[in-house]
Protein backbone atom coordinates (compact mmCIF):
# COMPACT_ATOMS: atom_id res chain seq x y z
CA MET A 1 -51.22 6.57 75.83
CA ARG A 2 -48.84 7.22 78.69
CA HIS A 3 -49.34 10.41 80.66
CA GLN A 4 -46.68 12.59 82.20
CA ASP A 5 -48.78 12.45 85.35
CA PHE A 6 -47.39 9.03 86.17
CA VAL A 7 -43.84 9.47 84.88
CA HIS A 8 -41.13 10.31 87.40
CA SER A 9 -40.43 13.81 86.10
CA ASP A 10 -39.45 16.87 88.10
CA ASN A 11 -41.78 19.01 86.00
CA TYR A 12 -45.42 19.53 86.89
CA PRO A 13 -47.72 17.00 85.22
CA THR A 14 -49.76 18.46 82.39
CA SER A 15 -53.04 19.70 83.88
CA TYR A 16 -55.39 22.66 83.91
CA TYR A 17 -53.85 23.65 87.23
CA ALA A 18 -50.30 23.69 85.88
CA ALA A 19 -51.44 25.62 82.81
CA SER A 20 -53.18 28.28 84.93
CA ALA A 21 -50.70 28.43 87.81
CA ASN A 22 -49.56 31.73 89.21
CA GLN A 23 -45.93 32.62 88.69
CA GLN A 24 -43.83 30.72 91.17
CA PRO A 25 -40.31 31.23 92.49
CA VAL A 26 -37.63 28.68 91.63
CA TYR A 27 -36.36 27.11 94.82
CA PRO A 28 -32.77 25.82 94.87
CA ARG A 29 -31.55 22.26 95.30
CA LEU A 30 -30.06 21.46 98.71
CA SER A 31 -26.29 21.39 98.18
CA GLU A 32 -24.86 21.82 101.67
CA HIS A 33 -25.13 20.61 105.24
CA LYS A 34 -27.59 22.52 107.38
CA THR A 35 -28.76 22.55 111.00
CA VAL A 36 -32.32 23.66 111.85
CA ASP A 37 -35.00 23.13 114.46
CA VAL A 38 -37.31 21.13 112.20
CA CYS A 39 -36.72 19.45 108.84
CA ILE A 40 -39.87 18.78 106.82
CA ILE A 41 -39.95 16.17 104.03
CA GLY A 42 -42.54 16.86 101.35
CA GLY A 43 -43.59 20.10 99.65
CA GLY A 44 -47.31 19.43 99.49
CA PHE A 45 -50.04 20.69 101.79
CA THR A 46 -48.93 18.60 104.78
CA GLY A 47 -45.38 19.91 104.67
CA LEU A 48 -46.31 23.50 103.85
CA ALA A 49 -49.04 23.63 106.49
CA ALA A 50 -46.61 22.36 109.13
CA ALA A 51 -43.91 24.76 107.92
CA LEU A 52 -46.19 27.78 108.19
CA GLU A 53 -47.51 26.80 111.60
CA LEU A 54 -43.97 26.26 112.90
CA ALA A 55 -42.57 29.42 111.33
CA GLU A 56 -45.38 31.42 112.93
CA ARG A 57 -44.12 29.98 116.23
CA ASN A 58 -40.54 31.11 115.41
CA TYR A 59 -39.04 27.71 114.65
CA ARG A 60 -36.15 27.50 112.16
CA VAL A 61 -37.56 25.27 109.42
CA CYS A 62 -36.12 23.63 106.33
CA LEU A 63 -38.43 21.93 103.81
CA LEU A 64 -37.17 19.36 101.27
CA GLU A 65 -39.21 18.52 98.16
CA ALA A 66 -38.14 15.75 95.78
CA ARG A 67 -39.57 17.52 92.71
CA LYS A 68 -41.48 20.81 92.85
CA VAL A 69 -43.74 22.36 95.47
CA GLY A 70 -47.23 20.94 94.93
CA TRP A 71 -46.06 18.30 92.45
CA GLY A 72 -48.15 15.49 93.94
CA ALA A 73 -51.78 15.32 95.02
CA SER A 74 -51.66 18.82 96.51
CA GLY A 75 -51.34 20.33 93.05
CA ARG A 76 -53.61 17.92 91.17
CA ASN A 77 -56.70 17.28 93.29
CA GLY A 78 -60.32 18.27 92.69
CA GLY A 79 -59.94 21.52 94.61
CA GLN A 80 -62.90 20.77 96.90
CA LEU A 81 -62.60 22.27 100.36
CA ILE A 82 -65.12 20.25 102.37
CA ARG A 83 -65.77 20.27 106.11
CA GLY A 84 -64.72 17.18 108.04
CA ILE A 85 -61.50 15.27 108.56
CA GLY A 86 -62.56 12.04 106.94
CA HIS A 87 -65.03 9.33 107.73
CA SER A 88 -66.95 9.11 110.99
CA ALA A 89 -64.94 8.89 114.21
CA GLU A 90 -67.65 6.75 115.83
CA PRO A 91 -65.85 3.41 115.17
CA PHE A 92 -63.00 4.66 117.39
CA ARG A 93 -65.14 5.51 120.41
CA ALA A 94 -63.46 2.84 122.55
CA LEU A 95 -60.08 4.48 121.90
CA ILE A 96 -60.93 8.18 122.06
CA GLY A 97 -64.29 8.41 123.85
CA GLN A 98 -67.02 10.96 123.27
CA GLU A 99 -64.57 13.77 124.00
CA GLY A 100 -62.33 12.58 121.15
CA ILE A 101 -65.27 12.20 118.77
CA ASP A 102 -66.38 15.75 119.57
CA ALA A 103 -62.83 17.05 119.13
CA ILE A 104 -62.48 15.47 115.69
CA TRP A 105 -65.81 16.95 114.60
CA GLN A 106 -64.71 20.41 115.68
CA MET A 107 -61.34 20.00 114.01
CA GLY A 108 -63.13 19.11 110.79
CA ILE A 109 -64.62 22.61 110.83
CA GLU A 110 -61.39 24.24 111.97
CA ALA A 111 -59.52 22.61 109.08
CA VAL A 112 -61.55 24.64 106.58
CA GLU A 113 -61.16 27.77 108.71
CA ILE A 114 -57.37 27.40 108.59
CA VAL A 115 -57.42 27.52 104.80
CA LYS A 116 -59.80 30.49 104.75
CA GLU A 117 -57.72 32.42 107.27
CA ARG A 118 -54.48 31.63 105.47
CA VAL A 119 -55.81 32.77 102.11
CA ASN A 120 -56.93 36.04 103.69
CA LYS A 121 -53.85 36.59 105.84
CA TYR A 122 -51.32 36.04 103.07
CA GLN A 123 -53.52 37.32 100.21
CA ILE A 124 -53.23 34.08 98.23
CA ASP A 125 -54.86 34.24 94.80
CA CYS A 126 -56.45 30.78 94.46
CA ASP A 127 -60.07 31.41 93.35
CA LEU A 128 -61.56 30.50 96.75
CA THR A 129 -65.34 30.20 96.30
CA TRP A 130 -67.95 29.15 98.88
CA GLY A 131 -70.72 26.63 98.37
CA TYR A 132 -70.78 22.83 98.19
CA PHE A 133 -73.49 20.28 97.36
CA ASP A 134 -73.58 16.69 98.61
CA ALA A 135 -75.61 14.96 95.89
CA ALA A 136 -77.58 11.78 96.59
CA ASN A 137 -78.00 9.16 93.85
CA LYS A 138 -80.23 6.84 95.89
CA PRO A 139 -82.63 6.95 98.88
CA LYS A 140 -80.06 5.37 101.20
CA TYR A 141 -77.70 8.28 100.54
CA LEU A 142 -80.48 10.75 101.26
CA ARG A 143 -81.01 9.05 104.61
CA GLN A 144 -77.30 9.30 105.40
CA LEU A 145 -77.27 12.98 104.51
CA ALA A 146 -80.40 13.55 106.59
CA ASP A 147 -78.64 11.98 109.58
CA TYR A 148 -75.64 14.22 108.99
CA TYR A 149 -77.87 17.28 108.67
CA GLN A 150 -79.57 16.48 111.96
CA ALA A 151 -76.28 15.81 113.77
CA SER A 152 -74.71 19.01 112.42
CA THR A 153 -77.71 21.07 113.48
CA GLN A 154 -77.53 19.59 116.98
CA ARG A 155 -73.81 20.45 117.13
CA ASN A 156 -74.52 24.04 116.03
CA TYR A 157 -72.64 23.89 112.75
CA PRO A 158 -71.74 27.56 112.19
CA TYR A 159 -72.60 27.81 108.49
CA PRO A 160 -75.89 27.53 106.58
CA LEU A 161 -76.97 24.02 105.63
CA LYS A 162 -79.94 23.64 103.32
CA TRP A 163 -81.83 20.48 102.46
CA ILE A 164 -82.51 20.24 98.71
CA SER A 165 -85.45 18.13 97.55
CA GLN A 166 -85.67 16.64 94.08
CA THR A 167 -88.03 19.41 92.98
CA GLU A 168 -85.45 22.03 94.03
CA LEU A 169 -82.45 20.42 92.35
CA SER A 170 -82.46 22.78 89.39
CA THR A 171 -81.58 25.65 91.72
CA VAL A 172 -78.26 23.93 92.42
CA ILE A 173 -77.45 21.63 89.51
CA GLY A 174 -78.70 21.05 85.98
CA THR A 175 -79.07 17.28 85.88
CA ASN A 176 -81.63 14.53 86.52
CA CYS A 177 -79.03 12.15 88.00
CA TYR A 178 -79.76 12.93 91.63
CA ILE A 179 -82.78 12.79 93.90
CA GLY A 180 -81.77 15.48 96.38
CA GLY A 181 -78.96 16.42 98.69
CA LEU A 182 -77.46 18.92 101.09
CA VAL A 183 -76.02 22.37 100.44
CA ASP A 184 -73.22 23.50 102.76
CA MET A 185 -72.11 27.13 102.62
CA GLY A 186 -69.20 26.44 104.97
CA SER A 187 -67.43 24.39 102.30
CA GLY A 188 -66.33 25.36 98.81
CA HIS A 189 -63.66 25.05 96.16
CA LEU A 190 -60.39 26.60 94.98
CA HIS A 191 -57.35 26.25 92.71
CA PRO A 192 -55.21 23.84 94.76
CA LEU A 193 -51.87 24.36 93.04
CA ASN A 194 -52.14 28.13 93.43
CA LEU A 195 -52.96 27.67 97.11
CA CYS A 196 -49.90 25.46 97.46
CA LEU A 197 -47.66 27.94 95.66
CA GLY A 198 -49.02 30.82 97.72
CA GLU A 199 -48.40 29.00 100.97
CA ALA A 200 -44.84 28.27 99.91
CA ILE A 201 -44.22 31.97 99.27
CA ALA A 202 -45.77 32.85 102.63
CA ALA A 203 -43.55 30.29 104.36
CA THR A 204 -40.37 31.69 102.82
CA GLN A 205 -41.40 35.19 103.87
CA LEU A 206 -41.46 33.86 107.43
CA GLY A 207 -37.95 32.42 107.07
CA VAL A 208 -38.64 28.83 105.96
CA GLU A 209 -35.94 27.51 103.63
CA ILE A 210 -37.46 25.50 100.77
CA TYR A 211 -35.37 23.22 98.57
CA GLU A 212 -36.76 21.57 95.43
CA LYS A 213 -35.30 18.69 93.43
CA SER A 214 -33.89 17.42 96.72
CA PRO A 215 -35.17 13.86 97.17
CA VAL A 216 -34.59 12.41 100.61
CA THR A 217 -32.64 9.16 100.47
CA ALA A 218 -32.49 8.33 104.19
CA ILE A 219 -33.44 9.50 107.64
CA GLU A 220 -30.88 8.68 110.35
CA PRO A 221 -32.76 8.67 113.68
CA GLY A 222 -31.26 9.91 116.91
CA LEU A 223 -31.34 12.78 119.38
CA HIS A 224 -30.75 15.05 116.38
CA PRO A 225 -31.92 13.07 113.33
CA THR A 226 -30.18 13.63 110.02
CA VAL A 227 -32.06 13.81 106.74
CA LYS A 228 -29.93 12.93 103.73
CA THR A 229 -30.26 13.89 100.06
CA PRO A 230 -27.87 13.19 97.16
CA TYR A 231 -26.23 16.61 97.44
CA GLY A 232 -26.61 17.71 101.05
CA GLN A 233 -28.11 16.88 104.41
CA VAL A 234 -30.03 18.48 107.25
CA LYS A 235 -29.58 17.89 110.97
CA ALA A 236 -32.58 18.84 113.07
CA ASN A 237 -34.17 18.50 116.47
CA ALA A 238 -37.23 16.99 114.83
CA VAL A 239 -38.33 15.70 111.43
CA VAL A 240 -41.79 15.86 109.85
CA VAL A 241 -42.62 13.28 107.15
CA GLY A 242 -45.39 14.55 104.88
CA CYS A 243 -45.05 12.45 101.72
CA ASN A 244 -48.38 10.59 101.82
CA ALA A 245 -49.01 8.59 98.60
CA TYR A 246 -45.52 9.44 97.34
CA LEU A 247 -43.67 8.12 100.40
CA GLY A 248 -42.29 5.03 98.66
CA GLN A 249 -40.14 2.98 101.03
CA LEU A 250 -38.47 5.94 102.74
CA VAL A 251 -40.06 4.98 106.08
CA PRO A 252 -40.97 1.28 105.83
CA GLN A 253 -43.08 1.23 109.01
CA LEU A 254 -45.32 3.89 107.46
CA ALA A 255 -45.26 2.73 103.84
CA GLY A 256 -47.43 -0.32 104.51
CA LYS A 257 -50.14 1.80 106.16
CA VAL A 258 -50.86 4.07 103.19
CA LEU A 259 -51.92 2.80 99.80
CA PRO A 260 -51.53 4.99 96.69
CA ALA A 261 -54.85 5.01 94.82
CA GLY A 262 -55.42 6.65 91.45
CA SER A 263 -57.87 9.50 90.94
CA TYR A 264 -58.42 11.37 87.68
CA ILE A 265 -59.81 14.64 86.30
CA ILE A 266 -60.76 16.09 82.94
CA ALA A 267 -61.29 19.78 82.18
CA THR A 268 -63.52 21.03 79.40
CA GLU A 269 -62.89 24.02 77.22
CA PRO A 270 -64.30 27.26 78.72
CA LEU A 271 -68.10 27.13 78.69
CA THR A 272 -70.42 29.92 77.69
CA ASP A 273 -71.90 31.87 80.57
CA SER A 274 -75.35 30.46 79.83
CA LEU A 275 -74.15 26.84 79.76
CA ALA A 276 -72.10 27.23 82.94
CA GLN A 277 -75.16 28.78 84.62
CA GLN A 278 -77.30 25.88 83.45
CA LEU A 279 -74.92 23.26 84.87
CA LEU A 280 -74.12 24.84 88.23
CA PRO A 281 -76.30 27.92 88.80
CA GLN A 282 -74.70 28.75 92.17
CA ASN A 283 -71.13 27.79 91.20
CA MET A 284 -70.92 25.12 93.89
CA ALA A 285 -68.58 22.18 94.10
CA VAL A 286 -70.42 18.83 93.95
CA SER A 287 -69.70 15.25 95.01
CA ASP A 288 -71.98 12.26 95.02
CA GLN A 289 -72.01 9.68 97.81
CA ARG A 290 -70.81 6.50 96.10
CA ILE A 291 -67.56 4.70 96.91
CA THR A 292 -66.24 5.45 93.42
CA LEU A 293 -67.71 8.91 93.46
CA ASP A 294 -67.98 11.61 90.82
CA TYR A 295 -66.87 15.10 91.87
CA PHE A 296 -66.94 18.26 89.82
CA ARG A 297 -67.00 22.05 89.84
CA LEU A 298 -66.45 25.07 87.63
CA SER A 299 -63.07 26.74 87.37
CA ALA A 300 -62.67 30.51 87.50
CA ASP A 301 -62.70 30.63 83.69
CA LYS A 302 -65.87 28.48 83.57
CA ARG A 303 -64.46 25.11 82.58
CA LEU A 304 -66.11 22.06 84.08
CA LEU A 305 -63.54 20.10 86.05
CA PHE A 306 -64.91 16.57 86.36
CA GLY A 307 -63.15 13.96 88.48
CA GLY A 308 -63.54 10.44 89.76
CA LEU A 309 -62.76 6.94 88.57
CA CYS A 310 -60.91 6.36 91.83
CA HIS A 311 -59.58 2.81 91.97
CA TYR A 312 -57.11 0.80 93.99
CA SER A 313 -55.56 -1.58 91.50
CA GLY A 314 -52.37 0.40 90.91
CA GLN A 315 -53.15 0.44 87.17
CA HIS A 316 -53.90 3.80 85.58
CA PRO A 317 -56.35 4.14 82.68
CA SER A 318 -54.66 4.19 79.28
CA ASN A 319 -56.69 7.27 78.33
CA ILE A 320 -58.22 9.41 81.07
CA HIS A 321 -60.36 11.39 78.62
CA HIS A 322 -62.00 8.26 77.20
CA ALA A 323 -62.50 6.75 80.64
CA LEU A 324 -64.03 9.82 82.33
CA ARG A 325 -65.99 11.52 79.56
CA PRO A 326 -68.86 8.94 79.60
CA ASN A 327 -69.27 9.53 83.35
CA MET A 328 -69.41 13.27 82.77
CA LEU A 329 -72.03 12.90 80.04
CA LYS A 330 -74.23 10.76 82.28
CA VAL A 331 -74.42 13.73 84.65
CA PHE A 332 -74.38 16.47 82.03
CA PRO A 333 -75.49 15.25 78.58
CA GLN A 334 -75.54 18.95 77.61
CA LEU A 335 -71.74 18.70 77.22
CA ALA A 336 -71.81 16.17 74.37
CA SER A 337 -70.32 18.62 71.89
CA VAL A 338 -67.92 20.31 74.31
CA LYS A 339 -64.20 19.70 73.86
CA ILE A 340 -61.95 18.33 76.59
CA ASP A 341 -58.82 20.48 76.92
CA TYR A 342 -57.00 18.74 79.78
CA GLN A 343 -56.76 15.29 81.33
CA TRP A 344 -54.62 14.29 84.28
CA GLY A 345 -54.44 12.10 87.33
CA GLY A 346 -52.27 11.01 90.19
CA ASN A 347 -52.26 9.18 93.49
CA ILE A 348 -54.04 9.95 96.73
CA GLY A 349 -53.15 8.17 99.98
CA ILE A 350 -55.71 5.72 101.36
CA GLY A 351 -55.68 4.28 104.87
CA ALA A 352 -57.49 1.09 105.77
CA ASN A 353 -59.82 2.79 108.26
CA ARG A 354 -60.20 6.04 106.25
CA MET A 355 -58.98 8.29 109.08
CA PRO A 356 -55.84 10.43 108.76
CA GLN A 357 -52.75 8.86 110.26
CA LEU A 358 -50.84 11.07 112.69
CA GLY A 359 -48.10 10.05 115.07
CA ILE A 360 -44.47 10.06 116.22
CA LEU A 361 -41.63 7.61 115.53
CA ASP A 362 -38.43 7.47 117.59
CA GLN A 363 -39.54 10.37 119.85
CA ASN A 364 -38.83 13.09 117.26
CA ILE A 365 -39.95 11.93 113.80
CA TYR A 366 -43.50 13.15 113.23
CA TYR A 367 -45.73 12.05 110.38
CA ALA A 368 -49.13 12.68 108.83
CA GLN A 369 -50.60 10.80 105.88
CA ALA A 370 -53.54 8.80 104.42
CA TYR A 371 -56.21 11.48 104.00
CA SER A 372 -58.38 9.21 101.84
CA GLY A 373 -59.69 11.96 99.60
CA HIS A 374 -60.12 14.67 102.27
CA GLY A 375 -56.61 16.03 102.01
CA LEU A 376 -57.14 19.64 101.07
CA ASN A 377 -58.44 20.59 104.49
CA ALA A 378 -57.22 17.67 106.64
CA THR A 379 -53.58 18.35 105.73
CA HIS A 380 -53.87 21.84 107.17
CA MET A 381 -55.29 20.51 110.42
CA MET A 382 -52.53 17.91 110.69
CA GLY A 383 -49.91 20.61 110.13
CA ARG A 384 -51.37 22.58 113.02
CA LEU A 385 -51.47 19.53 115.30
CA ILE A 386 -47.83 18.71 114.54
CA ALA A 387 -46.83 22.29 115.39
CA GLU A 388 -48.83 22.10 118.60
CA ALA A 389 -47.14 18.83 119.55
CA LEU A 390 -43.66 20.21 118.89
CA SER A 391 -44.60 23.15 121.11
CA GLY A 392 -45.58 20.79 123.92
CA GLN A 393 -49.36 20.86 123.37
CA LEU A 394 -50.24 17.22 122.80
CA GLU A 395 -53.93 17.11 123.75
CA ARG A 396 -55.38 17.33 120.24
CA PHE A 397 -52.47 15.53 118.60
CA ASP A 398 -53.05 12.57 120.91
CA VAL A 399 -56.68 12.23 119.85
CA PHE A 400 -55.47 11.12 116.42
CA ALA A 401 -52.35 9.36 117.69
CA LYS A 402 -54.55 7.00 119.76
CA ILE A 403 -56.31 5.68 116.65
CA LYS A 404 -54.69 2.46 115.48
CA HIS A 405 -53.87 1.91 111.81
CA ILE A 406 -53.28 -1.50 110.31
CA THR A 407 -50.68 -2.37 107.73
CA PHE A 408 -52.19 -3.45 104.43
CA PRO A 409 -51.55 -7.19 103.96
CA GLY A 410 -49.64 -8.74 101.11
CA GLY A 411 -46.53 -6.59 100.80
CA PRO A 412 -45.97 -3.94 98.10
CA LEU A 413 -46.89 -6.21 95.18
CA LEU A 414 -50.15 -7.58 96.60
CA ARG A 415 -51.56 -4.63 98.54
CA SER A 416 -53.25 -2.96 95.57
CA PRO A 417 -54.87 -6.10 94.11
CA LEU A 418 -56.13 -7.21 97.51
CA LEU A 419 -57.61 -3.80 98.31
CA ALA A 420 -59.10 -3.56 94.81
CA LEU A 421 -60.88 -6.85 95.45
CA GLY A 422 -62.18 -5.57 98.77
CA MET A 423 -63.35 -2.30 97.27
CA LEU A 424 -65.21 -4.20 94.54
CA TYR A 425 -67.54 -5.44 97.28
CA TYR A 426 -68.38 -1.87 98.29
CA ARG A 427 -68.79 -0.77 94.68
CA LEU A 428 -71.31 -3.58 94.14
CA LYS A 429 -73.20 -2.38 97.23
CA ASP A 430 -73.70 0.97 95.47
CA TYR A 431 -76.00 -0.83 93.04
CA PHE A 432 -78.28 -2.31 95.68
């Protein structure tokens, strides 16, 4: 079975999000030559976040999207809005120092605040709900969460954190799969495609010009770089590349640093109120701590959205429903007779060191990519940092720009198999 999710179509892939999307404007195709301050490539969260931040600073901005706003990971992801930028910044201490580590921790909180403030400011209807549970499958994960809890308390994390013992699990989740975990009321979940669509509308209200079905074929660098599409082009003072897992070979020096990895979701039929209450009594988003993690939450209409199966081979499952349903039933055997209404997937961008990649090429081509599963909030922080840098404020931008990112070995054909082999090692560690 071949899914539209992986076919190069301009239409949204079939998903619960596409089926429940708010009405969206139709943006035109670029068909002329334009001159602006900043040209943004990519109509996902990275591009839209940068566009809004720049428009709020009175820049003239043009955004080019190859398909439709939110077509890629921004409109397909698990919808989990979780504090933090990515993995620990501690391995980069020699490059960024304690000051940089502290800055990244604070930005991980600010990233969520940006989304919250934007939803409120522009009245975006995206089902934003607070509450998140880090679930531990094994004692080693409990120890890791305990360390995080202690560190967050010492740093005065501004939202309630609550340690959940095994005897208290039923107050958060209706399963015997876990042995405890951590509740965070500063994180939550939302409808990602509706957030994306709402941000696009907000950007256009501030003067951003958005063009869909306008794939970029080349970027000509220079004092005023030119961004070319089949039907028109844009000359700008600066360019922002925000394509992430869907970059292709547009910018070869970036393409080798981000690996597209598949992630997949199924959505049940709407559950009864009593069953939804039994599964997730506080309507929290949940993730476990394994490398190939399960993540899930309830939608606004009480469907269980269950995701995972993340792998790095470049091969998508032939049937997402059949591949994911057994995982769902291990967590929630109560759903054995419940129908699956939607199945979909797509690519997220993975970096070798699991930290977002942010930087500048040729003095005026900015980029952000490789969020490694933390994109919903991290993209918004990167958009702010790019806007700060273009405005001459480089302090926070440089914290990320100092972190070095390796190119995956093996070229385009061997990157995925080599990384899949490496990730197998970490998956095996989950069993010991």
